Structures are given as structure tokens and as C-alpha cells.
C-alpha atoms as a PDB file:
ATOM      1  CA  UNK A   1       0.000   0.000   0.000  1.00  0.00           C
ATOM      2  CA  UNK A   2       0.977   3.613  -0.061  1.00  0.00           C
ATOM      3  CA  UNK A   3       1.960   3.485   3.607  1.00  0.00           C
ATOM      4  CA  UNK A   4       5.082   1.477   2.774  1.00  0.00           C
ATOM      5  CA  UNK A   5       6.216   4.077   0.246  1.00  0.00           C
ATOM      6  CA  UNK A   6       5.617   6.901   2.721  1.00  0.00           C
ATOM      7  CA  UNK A   7       7.472   5.009   5.451  1.00  0.00           C
ATOM      8  CA  UNK A   8      10.468   4.384   3.184  1.00  0.00           C
ATOM      9  CA  UNK A   9      10.584   8.059   2.258  1.00  0.00           C
ATOM     10  CA  UNK A  10      10.379   9.126   5.884  1.00  0.00           C
ATOM     11  CA  UNK A  11      13.126   6.684   6.851  1.00  0.00           C
ATOM     12  CA  UNK A  12      15.356   7.861   3.996  1.00  0.00           C
ATOM     13  CA  UNK A  13      15.011  11.462   5.144  1.00  0.00           C
ATOM     14  CA  UNK A  14      15.912  10.505   8.696  1.00  0.00           C
ATOM     15  CA  UNK A  15      18.893   8.495   7.451  1.00  0.00           C
ATOM     16  CA  UNK A  16      20.250  11.499   5.546  1.00  0.00           C
ATOM     17  CA  UNK A  17      20.197  13.500   8.799  1.00  0.00           C
ATOM     18  CA  UNK A  18      22.360  11.041  10.752  1.00  0.00           C
ATOM     19  CA  UNK A  19      25.496  12.581  12.209  1.00  0.00           C
ATOM     20  CA  UNK A  20      27.169   9.604  13.912  1.00  0.00           C
ATOM     21  CA  UNK A  21      27.084   7.303  10.891  1.00  0.00           C
ATOM     22  CA  UNK A  22      27.269   7.931   7.155  1.00  0.00           C
ATOM     23  CA  UNK A  23      25.414   5.239   5.178  1.00  0.00           C
ATOM     24  CA  UNK A  24      27.244   3.978   2.101  1.00  0.00           C
ATOM     25  CA  UNK A  25      25.872   2.615  -1.163  1.00  0.00           C
ATOM     26  CA  UNK A  26      25.487  -0.852   0.348  1.00  0.00           C
ATOM     27  CA  UNK A  27      23.247   0.524   3.094  1.00  0.00           C
ATOM     28  CA  UNK A  28      21.149   2.550   0.660  1.00  0.00           C
ATOM     29  CA  UNK A  29      20.740  -0.466  -1.587  1.00  0.00           C
ATOM     30  CA  UNK A  30      19.681  -2.979   1.074  1.00  0.00           C
ATOM     31  CA  UNK A  31      17.658  -0.668   3.328  1.00  0.00           C
ATOM     32  CA  UNK A  32      15.934   1.611   0.808  1.00  0.00           C
ATOM     33  CA  UNK A  33      16.306   0.713  -2.870  1.00  0.00           C
ATOM     34  CA  UNK A  34      15.557  -3.031  -2.703  1.00  0.00           C
ATOM     35  CA  UNK A  35      12.615  -2.637  -0.287  1.00  0.00           C
ATOM     36  CA  UNK A  36      11.220   0.015  -2.634  1.00  0.00           C
ATOM     37  CA  UNK A  37      11.529  -2.462  -5.508  1.00  0.00           C
ATOM     38  CA  UNK A  38       9.841  -5.199  -3.450  1.00  0.00           C
ATOM     39  CA  UNK A  39       6.967  -2.950  -2.397  1.00  0.00           C
ATOM     40  CA  UNK A  40       6.595  -1.776  -5.996  1.00  0.00           C
ATOM     41  CA  UNK A  41       6.351  -5.395  -7.170  1.00  0.00           C
ATOM     42  CA  UNK A  42       3.719  -6.129  -4.534  1.00  0.00           C
ATOM     43  CA  UNK A  43       1.783  -2.973  -5.407  1.00  0.00           C
ATOM     44  CA  UNK A  44       2.008  -3.719  -9.125  1.00  0.00           C
ATOM     45  CA  UNK A  45       0.944  -7.306  -8.534  1.00  0.00           C
ATOM     46  CA  UNK A  46      -2.077  -6.158  -6.553  1.00  0.00           C
ATOM     47  CA  UNK A  47      -3.079  -3.778  -9.339  1.00  0.00           C
ATOM     48  CA  UNK A  48      -2.486  -6.451 -11.979  1.00  0.00           C
ATOM     49  CA  UNK A  49      -4.720  -9.071 -10.357  1.00  0.00           C
ATOM     50  CA  UNK A  50      -7.667  -7.868 -12.424  1.00  0.00           C
ATOM     51  CA  UNK A  51      -5.795  -7.814 -15.741  1.00  0.00           C
ATOM     52  CA  UNK A  52      -3.476 -10.844 -15.625  1.00  0.00           C
ATOM     53  CA  UNK A  53      -3.959 -12.861 -12.433  1.00  0.00           C
ATOM     54  CA  UNK A  54      -1.242 -15.459 -13.116  1.00  0.00           C
ATOM     55  CA  UNK A  55       1.463 -12.864 -13.800  1.00  0.00           C
ATOM     56  CA  UNK A  56       0.291 -10.746 -10.884  1.00  0.00           C
ATOM     57  CA  UNK A  57       0.690 -13.674  -8.502  1.00  0.00           C
ATOM     58  CA  UNK A  58       4.292 -14.102  -9.673  1.00  0.00           C
ATOM     59  CA  UNK A  59       4.911 -10.397  -9.005  1.00  0.00           C
ATOM     60  CA  UNK A  60       3.394 -10.709  -5.531  1.00  0.00           C
ATOM     61  CA  UNK A  61       5.494 -13.783  -4.788  1.00  0.00           C
ATOM     62  CA  UNK A  62       8.665 -12.114  -6.076  1.00  0.00           C
ATOM     63  CA  UNK A  63       8.054  -9.060  -3.902  1.00  0.00           C
ATOM     64  CA  UNK A  64       7.383 -11.174  -0.816  1.00  0.00           C
ATOM     65  CA  UNK A  65      10.438 -13.366  -1.435  1.00  0.00           C
ATOM     66  CA  UNK A  66      12.614 -10.294  -1.927  1.00  0.00           C
ATOM     67  CA  UNK A  67      11.374  -8.887   1.395  1.00  0.00           C
ATOM     68  CA  UNK A  68      12.275 -12.172   3.119  1.00  0.00           C
ATOM     69  CA  UNK A  69      15.810 -12.098   1.678  1.00  0.00           C
ATOM     70  CA  UNK A  70      16.197  -8.429   2.593  1.00  0.00           C
ATOM     71  CA  UNK A  71      15.041  -9.090   6.146  1.00  0.00           C
ATOM     72  CA  UNK A  72      17.465 -11.981   6.638  1.00  0.00           C
ATOM     73  CA  UNK A  73      20.392 -10.033   5.194  1.00  0.00           C
ATOM     74  CA  UNK A  74      19.620  -6.858   7.138  1.00  0.00           C
ATOM     75  CA  UNK A  75      19.261  -8.753  10.422  1.00  0.00           C
ATOM     76  CA  UNK A  76      22.660 -10.334   9.787  1.00  0.00           C
ATOM     77  CA  UNK A  77      24.119  -6.929   8.918  1.00  0.00           C
ATOM     78  CA  UNK A  78      22.850  -5.251  12.091  1.00  0.00           C
ATOM     79  CA  UNK A  79      24.008  -8.092  14.347  1.00  0.00           C
ATOM     80  CA  UNK A  80      27.438  -8.063  12.714  1.00  0.00           C
ATOM     81  CA  UNK A  81      27.673  -4.283  13.069  1.00  0.00           C
ATOM     82  CA  UNK A  82      26.787  -4.433  16.753  1.00  0.00           C
ATOM     83  CA  UNK A  83      29.063  -7.423  17.417  1.00  0.00           C
ATOM     84  CA  UNK A  84      32.197  -5.740  16.091  1.00  0.00           C
ATOM     85  CA  UNK A  85      31.513  -2.686  18.241  1.00  0.00           C
ATOM     86  CA  UNK A  86      29.894  -0.371  15.733  1.00  0.00           C
ATOM     87  CA  UNK A  87      27.022   0.416  18.057  1.00  0.00           C
ATOM     88  CA  UNK A  88      29.171   0.948  21.156  1.00  0.00           C
ATOM     89  CA  UNK A  89      29.094   4.440  22.595  1.00  0.00           C
ATOM     90  CA  UNK A  90      32.274   5.995  23.879  1.00  0.00           C
ATOM     91  CA  UNK A  91      32.578   6.248  27.671  1.00  0.00           C
ATOM     92  CA  UNK A  92      31.383   9.565  29.036  1.00  0.00           C
END
């Protein structure tokens, strides 16, 4: 739905304002670009159900599968980042 697109846009704006961490191309790809592609596939599949149901179901499945892969990879990325001390705050 449109909520996902609005949420991605809001998150991207907040990410650009970060001062303690500068996201690189890898972060933008896995946290914003690929989820946008997955949500677009799901949205397009939902719209296409009336026109071509078989193709629309493939688009829905591809979007859902992409979201699963993104979620697994991003969970691994965050755990790795925190494990190597990326999330540690300096002593005050």
C-alpha cells in the first residue's frame, strides 16, 4: 500500500540526517532501494490481479520473497555491526 512508500521516504530522510554514521551505497541499496523495488512489485501485482492474475501472482510472490531475503540479510548486517563494536558508545 501507499503506507510502505511513505514510510520508506520518511526513513530515507531521517537516514540522511544522521550525524554519527554515514550510510554507504550498500546501506542505501539494502535498506531503501531493494525494499522500494519489493513494495513496488507487490503494489504492481495487486493492481495487476484484475488484468493478468497469473502474472500478478508471480509479481506478488517475487516481492514477498525479496522482502524475506532483505530481512534476513539486514538482520545479519545489524548483528554483525553491533558485534564488532559499531554500536558501542564511547565512555562519558
